[in-house]
Amino acid sequence: MFEEKVRAILGVRALLDDNDPRIEQKWDELINLLSEDENTTLNFLQICNKTEISYLSEVFEEVAYNLQSKKYIDVLYSLD
């Protein structure tokens, strides 16, 4: 369920022009979802493809601030 929600948001985000103000709404949705449960987020990051990571990287800092987790930071450093 979590993966489907994140991927649905990423799918919509991918279709938006980089100057579209709706991007901020998608960022907020991602930040909230990825900040809910650290372990679920960490597990998801391990199975993401490069395109997903690219879009998720837009909100890495905000999620890191919300989670306050060294494990999260370590996983980010391990991503290709």
C-alpha atoms as a PDB file:
ATOM      1  CA  MET A   1       0.000   0.000   0.000  1.00  0.00           C
ATOM      2  CA  PHE A   2       2.792   2.446   0.940  1.00  0.00           C
ATOM      3  CA  GLU A   3       4.750   1.710  -2.229  1.00  0.00           C
ATOM      4  CA  GLU A   4       1.670   2.220  -4.384  1.00  0.00           C
ATOM      5  CA  LYS A   5       0.899   5.566  -2.731  1.00  0.00           C
ATOM      6  CA  VAL A   6       4.443   6.854  -3.169  1.00  0.00           C
ATOM      7  CA  ARG A   7       4.664   5.641  -6.748  1.00  0.00           C
ATOM      8  CA  ALA A   8       1.298   7.218  -7.587  1.00  0.00           C
ATOM      9  CA  ILE A   9       2.519  10.588  -6.297  1.00  0.00           C
ATOM     10  CA  LEU A  10       5.796  10.169  -8.180  1.00  0.00           C
ATOM     11  CA  GLY A  11       3.880   9.336 -11.356  1.00  0.00           C
ATOM     12  CA  VAL A  12       1.879  12.542 -11.146  1.00  0.00           C
ATOM     13  CA  ARG A  13       5.015  14.518 -10.267  1.00  0.00           C
ATOM     14  CA  ALA A  14       6.833  13.123 -13.295  1.00  0.00           C
ATOM     15  CA  LEU A  15       4.095  14.415 -15.589  1.00  0.00           C
ATOM     16  CA  LEU A  16       4.261  17.969 -14.238  1.00  0.00           C
ATOM     17  CA  ASP A  17       6.378  20.643 -15.855  1.00  0.00           C
ATOM     18  CA  ASP A  18       9.226  21.785 -13.612  1.00  0.00           C
ATOM     19  CA  ASN A  19       7.630  25.243 -13.359  1.00  0.00           C
ATOM     20  CA  ASP A  20       4.173  23.945 -12.419  1.00  0.00           C
ATOM     21  CA  PRO A  21       3.164  25.212  -8.958  1.00  0.00           C
ATOM     22  CA  ARG A  22       1.405  21.890  -8.259  1.00  0.00           C
ATOM     23  CA  ILE A  23       4.844  20.340  -7.749  1.00  0.00           C
ATOM     24  CA  GLU A  24       4.902  21.789  -4.247  1.00  0.00           C
ATOM     25  CA  GLN A  25       1.682  19.929  -3.429  1.00  0.00           C
ATOM     26  CA  LYS A  26       3.272  16.666  -4.583  1.00  0.00           C
ATOM     27  CA  TRP A  27       6.380  17.436  -2.531  1.00  0.00           C
ATOM     28  CA  ASP A  28       4.217  17.998   0.559  1.00  0.00           C
ATOM     29  CA  GLU A  29       2.414  14.704  -0.040  1.00  0.00           C
ATOM     30  CA  LEU A  30       5.726  12.869  -0.397  1.00  0.00           C
ATOM     31  CA  ILE A  31       7.225  14.526   2.683  1.00  0.00           C
ATOM     32  CA  ASN A  32       4.210  13.585   4.797  1.00  0.00           C
ATOM     33  CA  LEU A  33       4.098  10.013   3.522  1.00  0.00           C
ATOM     34  CA  LEU A  34       7.839   9.366   3.799  1.00  0.00           C
ATOM     35  CA  SER A  35       7.935  10.898   7.280  1.00  0.00           C
ATOM     36  CA  GLU A  36       5.215   8.659   8.721  1.00  0.00           C
ATOM     37  CA  ASP A  37       7.274   5.535   9.368  1.00  0.00           C
ATOM     38  CA  GLU A  38      11.058   5.412   9.189  1.00  0.00           C
ATOM     39  CA  ASN A  39      11.386   1.663   8.610  1.00  0.00           C
ATOM     40  CA  THR A  40       8.826   1.611   5.819  1.00  0.00           C
ATOM     41  CA  THR A  41      10.578   4.519   4.143  1.00  0.00           C
ATOM     42  CA  LEU A  42      14.015   2.927   4.505  1.00  0.00           C
ATOM     43  CA  ASN A  43      12.764  -0.343   3.037  1.00  0.00           C
ATOM     44  CA  PHE A  44      11.159   1.489   0.139  1.00  0.00           C
ATOM     45  CA  LEU A  45      14.302   3.467  -0.654  1.00  0.00           C
ATOM     46  CA  GLN A  46      16.225   0.199  -0.962  1.00  0.00           C
ATOM     47  CA  ILE A  47      13.989  -0.987  -3.828  1.00  0.00           C
ATOM     48  CA  CYS A  48      13.569   2.282  -5.756  1.00  0.00           C
ATOM     49  CA  ASN A  49      14.913   2.666  -9.250  1.00  0.00           C
ATOM     50  CA  LYS A  50      17.109   5.584 -10.315  1.00  0.00           C
ATOM     51  CA  THR A  51      14.224   7.610 -11.717  1.00  0.00           C
ATOM     52  CA  GLU A  52      12.242   7.272  -8.496  1.00  0.00           C
ATOM     53  CA  ILE A  53      15.296   8.242  -6.448  1.00  0.00           C
ATOM     54  CA  SER A  54      15.784  11.268  -8.667  1.00  0.00           C
ATOM     55  CA  TYR A  55      12.281  12.563  -7.949  1.00  0.00           C
ATOM     56  CA  LEU A  56      12.435  11.581  -4.277  1.00  0.00           C
ATOM     57  CA  SER A  57      15.688  13.490  -3.913  1.00  0.00           C
ATOM     58  CA  GLU A  58      13.656  16.678  -4.233  1.00  0.00           C
ATOM     59  CA  VAL A  59      12.346  16.051  -0.707  1.00  0.00           C
ATOM     60  CA  PHE A  60      15.259  14.225   0.968  1.00  0.00           C
ATOM     61  CA  GLU A  61      16.209  17.162   3.184  1.00  0.00           C
ATOM     62  CA  GLU A  62      12.700  17.755   4.484  1.00  0.00           C
ATOM     63  CA  VAL A  63      12.188  14.072   5.245  1.00  0.00           C
ATOM     64  CA  ALA A  64      15.578  13.938   6.994  1.00  0.00           C
ATOM     65  CA  TYR A  65      14.534  16.906   9.139  1.00  0.00           C
ATOM     66  CA  ASN A  66      11.246  15.212  10.049  1.00  0.00           C
ATOM     67  CA  LEU A  67      12.730  11.791  10.795  1.00  0.00           C
ATOM     68  CA  GLN A  68      15.872  12.996  12.593  1.00  0.00           C
ATOM     69  CA  SER A  69      17.392   9.612  11.803  1.00  0.00           C
ATOM     70  CA  LYS A  70      21.006   8.626  11.267  1.00  0.00           C
ATOM     71  CA  LYS A  71      19.823   5.416   9.588  1.00  0.00           C
ATOM     72  CA  TYR A  72      17.916   7.475   7.027  1.00  0.00           C
ATOM     73  CA  ILE A  73      21.001   9.553   6.253  1.00  0.00           C
ATOM     74  CA  ASP A  74      23.112   6.386   5.973  1.00  0.00           C
ATOM     75  CA  VAL A  75      20.657   4.896   3.471  1.00  0.00           C
ATOM     76  CA  LEU A  76      20.697   8.097   1.429  1.00  0.00           C
ATOM     77  CA  TYR A  77      24.496   7.938   1.223  1.00  0.00           C
ATOM     78  CA  SER A  78      24.296   4.324   0.057  1.00  0.00           C
ATOM     79  CA  LEU A  79      21.989   5.124  -2.875  1.00  0.00           C
ATOM     80  CA  ASP A  80      23.534   5.194  -6.330  1.00  0.00           C
END
